[in-house]
């Protein structure tokens, strides 16, 4: 049973940086993706960045050049380094693990961590 725990959120001024972490409870095997989503008040949840088991990454246009997703396989942890933060980055950030099996796909979500960018 996979559990995901996010950490690293907080209050930061515009232009500042934060690093979010998402740790899985156990080793992840096979084909998978890990991703960061965010949801701001009054808006739909959106994909921010994703990384596959092979290391391929993708980013939302709004964060390209500012955010970097990475992972540490030994620690079963995915990170989101956020630089040059803007007020519009304010949201609850959620970690998601997607496991791809032979005939099924399963999603696991963390509980979320609040990021607030404000003066």
N, C-alpha and C. Protein backbone atom coordinates (compact mmCIF):
# COMPACT_ATOMS: atom_id res chain seq x y z
N UNK A 1 0.85 -1.18 0.00
CA UNK A 1 0.00 0.00 0.00
C UNK A 1 0.89 1.23 0.00
N UNK A 2 0.80 2.04 -1.05
CA UNK A 2 1.65 3.21 -1.21
C UNK A 2 1.04 4.41 -0.52
N UNK A 3 1.85 5.08 0.28
CA UNK A 3 1.46 6.33 0.91
C UNK A 3 2.43 7.42 0.48
N UNK A 4 1.92 8.61 0.18
CA UNK A 4 2.73 9.74 -0.24
C UNK A 4 2.60 10.86 0.78
N UNK A 5 3.73 11.43 1.19
CA UNK A 5 3.75 12.51 2.16
C UNK A 5 4.52 13.68 1.59
N UNK A 6 3.85 14.83 1.45
CA UNK A 6 4.48 16.04 0.95
C UNK A 6 4.99 16.90 2.09
N UNK A 7 6.02 17.68 1.80
CA UNK A 7 6.54 18.64 2.76
C UNK A 7 7.24 19.77 2.01
N UNK A 8 7.54 20.85 2.71
CA UNK A 8 8.31 21.94 2.14
C UNK A 8 7.54 23.18 1.77
N UNK A 9 6.23 23.15 1.89
CA UNK A 9 5.44 24.32 1.58
C UNK A 9 5.60 25.40 2.64
N UNK A 10 5.09 26.58 2.31
CA UNK A 10 5.18 27.68 3.25
C UNK A 10 4.90 29.01 2.59
N UNK A 11 5.24 30.07 3.30
CA UNK A 11 5.05 31.44 2.82
C UNK A 11 6.38 31.98 2.32
N UNK A 12 6.36 32.55 1.12
CA UNK A 12 7.56 33.11 0.53
C UNK A 12 7.20 34.38 -0.24
N UNK A 13 8.13 35.32 -0.31
CA UNK A 13 7.91 36.55 -1.05
C UNK A 13 8.08 36.33 -2.55
N UNK A 14 7.44 37.16 -3.37
CA UNK A 14 7.67 37.06 -4.81
C UNK A 14 9.15 37.12 -5.16
N UNK A 15 9.56 36.26 -6.08
CA UNK A 15 10.95 36.15 -6.45
C UNK A 15 11.74 35.14 -5.63
N UNK A 16 11.15 34.64 -4.56
CA UNK A 16 11.81 33.69 -3.70
C UNK A 16 11.73 32.28 -4.22
N UNK A 17 12.24 31.34 -3.41
CA UNK A 17 12.32 29.94 -3.80
C UNK A 17 11.83 29.03 -2.69
N UNK A 18 11.31 27.88 -3.09
CA UNK A 18 10.94 26.80 -2.19
C UNK A 18 11.27 25.48 -2.86
N UNK A 19 11.51 24.46 -2.05
CA UNK A 19 11.66 23.12 -2.57
C UNK A 19 10.67 22.20 -1.88
N UNK A 20 9.80 21.60 -2.66
CA UNK A 20 8.84 20.64 -2.15
C UNK A 20 9.39 19.23 -2.27
N UNK A 21 9.03 18.39 -1.31
CA UNK A 21 9.42 16.99 -1.32
C UNK A 21 8.18 16.12 -1.20
N UNK A 22 8.23 14.97 -1.83
CA UNK A 22 7.17 13.98 -1.74
C UNK A 22 7.82 12.62 -1.58
N UNK A 23 7.61 12.02 -0.42
CA UNK A 23 8.23 10.74 -0.10
C UNK A 23 7.20 9.62 -0.14
N UNK A 24 7.52 8.56 -0.85
CA UNK A 24 6.67 7.38 -0.89
C UNK A 24 7.05 6.43 0.23
N UNK A 25 6.07 5.67 0.70
CA UNK A 25 6.29 4.80 1.85
C UNK A 25 7.14 3.59 1.55
N UNK A 26 7.27 3.23 0.28
CA UNK A 26 8.05 2.08 -0.10
C UNK A 26 8.69 2.25 -1.46
N UNK A 27 9.49 1.29 -1.85
CA UNK A 27 10.15 1.33 -3.14
C UNK A 27 9.13 1.16 -4.26
N UNK A 28 9.28 1.98 -5.30
CA UNK A 28 8.39 1.93 -6.45
C UNK A 28 9.06 1.12 -7.56
N UNK A 29 8.35 0.11 -8.06
CA UNK A 29 8.89 -0.76 -9.09
C UNK A 29 8.19 -0.54 -10.42
N UNK A 30 8.88 -0.88 -11.50
CA UNK A 30 8.28 -0.91 -12.83
C UNK A 30 8.05 0.46 -13.43
N UNK A 31 7.05 0.53 -14.31
CA UNK A 31 6.74 1.76 -15.02
C UNK A 31 5.87 2.67 -14.16
N UNK A 32 6.25 3.91 -14.06
CA UNK A 32 5.49 4.85 -13.27
C UNK A 32 5.80 6.27 -13.69
N UNK A 33 4.94 7.18 -13.30
CA UNK A 33 5.23 8.59 -13.35
C UNK A 33 4.94 9.20 -11.98
N UNK A 34 5.70 10.22 -11.64
CA UNK A 34 5.40 11.02 -10.47
C UNK A 34 5.24 12.46 -10.93
N UNK A 35 4.30 13.13 -10.33
CA UNK A 35 3.96 14.46 -10.80
C UNK A 35 3.56 15.36 -9.66
N UNK A 36 3.67 16.65 -9.91
CA UNK A 36 3.15 17.67 -9.02
C UNK A 36 1.98 18.37 -9.70
N UNK A 37 0.88 18.45 -8.99
CA UNK A 37 -0.27 19.22 -9.39
C UNK A 37 -0.47 20.36 -8.40
N UNK A 38 -1.26 21.34 -8.79
CA UNK A 38 -1.61 22.39 -7.86
C UNK A 38 -3.04 22.83 -8.10
N UNK A 39 -3.64 23.34 -7.05
CA UNK A 39 -5.00 23.83 -7.13
C UNK A 39 -5.12 25.12 -6.33
N UNK A 40 -5.44 26.19 -7.02
CA UNK A 40 -5.66 27.49 -6.39
C UNK A 40 -7.14 27.67 -6.11
N UNK A 41 -7.48 28.53 -5.15
CA UNK A 41 -8.89 28.77 -4.86
C UNK A 41 -9.67 29.18 -6.09
N UNK A 42 -10.80 28.52 -6.33
CA UNK A 42 -11.64 28.84 -7.47
C UNK A 42 -11.17 28.32 -8.80
N UNK A 43 -10.10 27.55 -8.82
CA UNK A 43 -9.57 27.02 -10.06
C UNK A 43 -9.51 25.50 -10.03
N UNK A 44 -9.44 24.90 -11.22
CA UNK A 44 -9.29 23.47 -11.33
C UNK A 44 -7.86 23.04 -11.02
N UNK A 45 -7.73 21.80 -10.57
CA UNK A 45 -6.40 21.26 -10.34
C UNK A 45 -5.67 21.12 -11.68
N UNK A 46 -4.41 21.54 -11.71
CA UNK A 46 -3.64 21.51 -12.94
C UNK A 46 -2.30 20.83 -12.74
N UNK A 47 -1.82 20.21 -13.80
CA UNK A 47 -0.50 19.59 -13.79
C UNK A 47 0.57 20.67 -13.83
N UNK A 48 1.54 20.57 -12.93
CA UNK A 48 2.66 21.50 -12.88
C UNK A 48 3.89 20.89 -13.55
N UNK A 49 4.25 19.68 -13.15
CA UNK A 49 5.43 19.01 -13.68
C UNK A 49 5.30 17.52 -13.45
N UNK A 50 5.92 16.73 -14.33
CA UNK A 50 5.91 15.29 -14.19
C UNK A 50 7.25 14.70 -14.57
N UNK A 51 7.52 13.52 -14.03
CA UNK A 51 8.75 12.80 -14.34
C UNK A 51 8.43 11.31 -14.41
N UNK A 52 8.97 10.63 -15.42
CA UNK A 52 8.72 9.21 -15.60
C UNK A 52 9.81 8.40 -14.92
N UNK A 53 9.58 7.08 -14.85
CA UNK A 53 10.58 6.19 -14.26
C UNK A 53 11.89 6.22 -15.03
N UNK A 54 11.84 6.56 -16.32
CA UNK A 54 13.04 6.65 -17.14
C UNK A 54 13.71 8.02 -17.08
N UNK A 55 13.08 8.98 -16.40
CA UNK A 55 13.68 10.29 -16.23
C UNK A 55 13.17 11.38 -17.14
N UNK A 56 12.23 11.08 -18.02
CA UNK A 56 11.65 12.10 -18.88
C UNK A 56 10.82 13.07 -18.06
N UNK A 57 10.96 14.35 -18.33
CA UNK A 57 10.23 15.38 -17.59
C UNK A 57 9.40 16.23 -18.53
N UNK A 58 8.33 16.78 -17.98
CA UNK A 58 7.55 17.77 -18.70
C UNK A 58 7.01 18.79 -17.71
N UNK A 59 6.71 19.98 -18.22
CA UNK A 59 6.29 21.09 -17.37
C UNK A 59 5.15 21.85 -18.01
N UNK A 60 4.32 22.42 -17.16
CA UNK A 60 3.34 23.37 -17.64
C UNK A 60 4.06 24.60 -18.18
N UNK A 61 3.48 25.21 -19.22
CA UNK A 61 4.11 26.38 -19.81
C UNK A 61 4.33 27.49 -18.79
N UNK A 62 3.44 27.60 -17.83
CA UNK A 62 3.51 28.68 -16.86
C UNK A 62 4.70 28.58 -15.91
N UNK A 63 5.33 27.40 -15.82
CA UNK A 63 6.43 27.22 -14.89
C UNK A 63 7.74 26.86 -15.57
N UNK A 64 7.74 26.69 -16.89
CA UNK A 64 8.97 26.34 -17.60
C UNK A 64 10.05 27.40 -17.36
N UNK A 65 11.24 26.93 -17.06
CA UNK A 65 12.35 27.82 -16.79
C UNK A 65 12.45 28.27 -15.36
N UNK A 66 11.40 28.02 -14.56
CA UNK A 66 11.40 28.43 -13.16
C UNK A 66 11.39 27.24 -12.20
N UNK A 67 10.68 26.18 -12.58
CA UNK A 67 10.54 25.00 -11.72
C UNK A 67 11.34 23.84 -12.30
N UNK A 68 11.84 22.97 -11.42
CA UNK A 68 12.55 21.78 -11.82
C UNK A 68 12.08 20.60 -11.00
N UNK A 69 11.66 19.53 -11.68
CA UNK A 69 11.26 18.31 -11.00
C UNK A 69 12.41 17.31 -11.06
N UNK A 70 12.62 16.59 -9.99
CA UNK A 70 13.67 15.59 -9.94
C UNK A 70 13.25 14.49 -8.98
N UNK A 71 14.00 13.38 -8.98
CA UNK A 71 13.68 12.29 -8.07
C UNK A 71 14.94 11.61 -7.58
N UNK A 72 14.80 10.98 -6.43
CA UNK A 72 15.87 10.20 -5.83
C UNK A 72 15.31 8.79 -5.65
N UNK A 73 15.71 7.88 -6.51
CA UNK A 73 15.16 6.53 -6.47
C UNK A 73 15.46 5.81 -5.16
N UNK A 74 16.65 6.01 -4.62
CA UNK A 74 17.03 5.34 -3.38
C UNK A 74 16.15 5.76 -2.21
N UNK A 75 15.67 6.99 -2.24
CA UNK A 75 14.83 7.51 -1.17
C UNK A 75 13.34 7.49 -1.51
N UNK A 76 13.01 7.01 -2.71
CA UNK A 76 11.62 6.99 -3.19
C UNK A 76 10.97 8.36 -3.01
N UNK A 77 11.68 9.38 -3.43
CA UNK A 77 11.26 10.76 -3.20
C UNK A 77 11.34 11.56 -4.49
N UNK A 78 10.34 12.39 -4.72
CA UNK A 78 10.34 13.32 -5.83
C UNK A 78 10.36 14.73 -5.28
N UNK A 79 11.04 15.64 -5.98
CA UNK A 79 11.21 17.00 -5.53
C UNK A 79 10.68 17.98 -6.58
N UNK A 80 10.30 19.13 -6.12
CA UNK A 80 9.96 20.24 -7.01
C UNK A 80 10.68 21.48 -6.51
N UNK A 81 11.72 21.88 -7.23
CA UNK A 81 12.43 23.11 -6.92
C UNK A 81 11.73 24.26 -7.62
N UNK A 82 11.28 25.23 -6.86
CA UNK A 82 10.52 26.34 -7.39
C UNK A 82 11.30 27.63 -7.17
N UNK A 83 11.69 28.27 -8.25
CA UNK A 83 12.42 29.52 -8.21
C UNK A 83 11.60 30.63 -8.85
N UNK A 84 12.01 31.86 -8.58
CA UNK A 84 11.34 33.03 -9.16
C UNK A 84 9.83 32.96 -8.97
N UNK A 85 9.43 32.67 -7.76
CA UNK A 85 8.01 32.46 -7.49
C UNK A 85 7.20 33.73 -7.68
N UNK A 86 5.98 33.54 -8.17
CA UNK A 86 5.05 34.62 -8.44
C UNK A 86 3.80 34.43 -7.60
N UNK A 87 3.07 35.51 -7.33
CA UNK A 87 1.82 35.35 -6.57
C UNK A 87 0.86 34.35 -7.19
N UNK A 88 0.83 34.24 -8.51
CA UNK A 88 -0.05 33.29 -9.17
C UNK A 88 0.35 31.84 -8.97
N UNK A 89 1.52 31.59 -8.37
CA UNK A 89 1.92 30.23 -8.01
C UNK A 89 1.27 29.77 -6.71
N UNK A 90 0.60 30.67 -6.01
CA UNK A 90 -0.04 30.33 -4.76
C UNK A 90 -1.10 29.26 -4.98
N UNK A 91 -1.00 28.15 -4.26
CA UNK A 91 -1.91 27.03 -4.42
C UNK A 91 -1.56 25.96 -3.41
N UNK A 92 -2.43 24.97 -3.31
CA UNK A 92 -2.08 23.73 -2.63
C UNK A 92 -1.43 22.82 -3.66
N UNK A 93 -0.25 22.34 -3.36
CA UNK A 93 0.49 21.48 -4.27
C UNK A 93 0.36 20.03 -3.83
N UNK A 94 0.00 19.17 -4.79
CA UNK A 94 -0.24 17.76 -4.53
C UNK A 94 0.74 16.90 -5.32
N UNK A 95 1.25 15.89 -4.67
CA UNK A 95 2.09 14.89 -5.32
C UNK A 95 1.22 13.73 -5.79
N UNK A 96 1.49 13.22 -6.97
CA UNK A 96 0.76 12.07 -7.50
C UNK A 96 1.71 11.03 -8.06
N UNK A 97 1.46 9.78 -7.71
CA UNK A 97 2.15 8.64 -8.28
C UNK A 97 1.18 7.87 -9.16
N UNK A 98 1.57 7.60 -10.38
CA UNK A 98 0.79 6.77 -11.29
C UNK A 98 1.58 5.51 -11.60
N UNK A 99 1.01 4.37 -11.28
CA UNK A 99 1.64 3.09 -11.57
C UNK A 99 0.94 2.45 -12.76
N UNK A 100 1.72 2.01 -13.72
CA UNK A 100 1.20 1.40 -14.94
C UNK A 100 1.48 -0.09 -14.93
N UNK A 101 0.42 -0.86 -14.73
CA UNK A 101 0.52 -2.31 -14.71
C UNK A 101 0.11 -2.87 -16.07
N UNK A 102 0.05 -4.19 -16.18
CA UNK A 102 -0.22 -4.82 -17.47
C UNK A 102 -1.56 -4.37 -18.04
N UNK A 103 -2.59 -4.35 -17.21
CA UNK A 103 -3.92 -4.03 -17.70
C UNK A 103 -4.64 -3.04 -16.80
N UNK A 104 -3.89 -2.25 -16.07
CA UNK A 104 -4.52 -1.29 -15.18
C UNK A 104 -3.55 -0.16 -14.87
N UNK A 105 -4.12 1.00 -14.56
CA UNK A 105 -3.36 2.16 -14.13
C UNK A 105 -3.94 2.64 -12.81
N UNK A 106 -3.07 2.88 -11.83
CA UNK A 106 -3.51 3.30 -10.51
C UNK A 106 -2.84 4.61 -10.12
N UNK A 107 -3.63 5.50 -9.54
CA UNK A 107 -3.14 6.78 -9.06
C UNK A 107 -3.14 6.81 -7.55
N UNK A 108 -2.10 7.41 -6.98
CA UNK A 108 -1.99 7.64 -5.55
C UNK A 108 -1.68 9.12 -5.33
N UNK A 109 -2.40 9.73 -4.41
CA UNK A 109 -2.27 11.16 -4.15
C UNK A 109 -1.79 11.43 -2.74
N UNK A 110 -0.95 12.44 -2.59
CA UNK A 110 -0.61 12.95 -1.29
C UNK A 110 -1.70 13.88 -0.78
N UNK A 111 -1.54 14.35 0.44
CA UNK A 111 -2.55 15.19 1.07
C UNK A 111 -2.42 16.67 0.71
N UNK A 112 -1.32 17.07 0.13
CA UNK A 112 -1.14 18.44 -0.29
C UNK A 112 -0.34 19.27 0.69
N UNK A 113 0.35 20.27 0.16
CA UNK A 113 1.09 21.22 0.98
C UNK A 113 0.86 22.62 0.43
N UNK A 114 0.60 23.56 1.31
CA UNK A 114 0.24 24.92 0.90
C UNK A 114 1.49 25.72 0.55
N UNK A 115 1.43 26.39 -0.61
CA UNK A 115 2.45 27.34 -1.02
C UNK A 115 1.78 28.69 -1.19
N UNK A 116 2.26 29.69 -0.47
CA UNK A 116 1.71 31.03 -0.57
C UNK A 116 2.83 32.00 -0.94
N UNK A 117 2.64 32.72 -2.04
CA UNK A 117 3.61 33.69 -2.52
C UNK A 117 2.99 35.07 -2.35
N UNK A 118 3.51 35.84 -1.42
CA UNK A 118 2.91 37.12 -1.09
C UNK A 118 3.91 38.01 -0.38
N UNK A 119 3.73 39.32 -0.55
CA UNK A 119 4.54 40.29 0.18
C UNK A 119 4.01 40.51 1.59
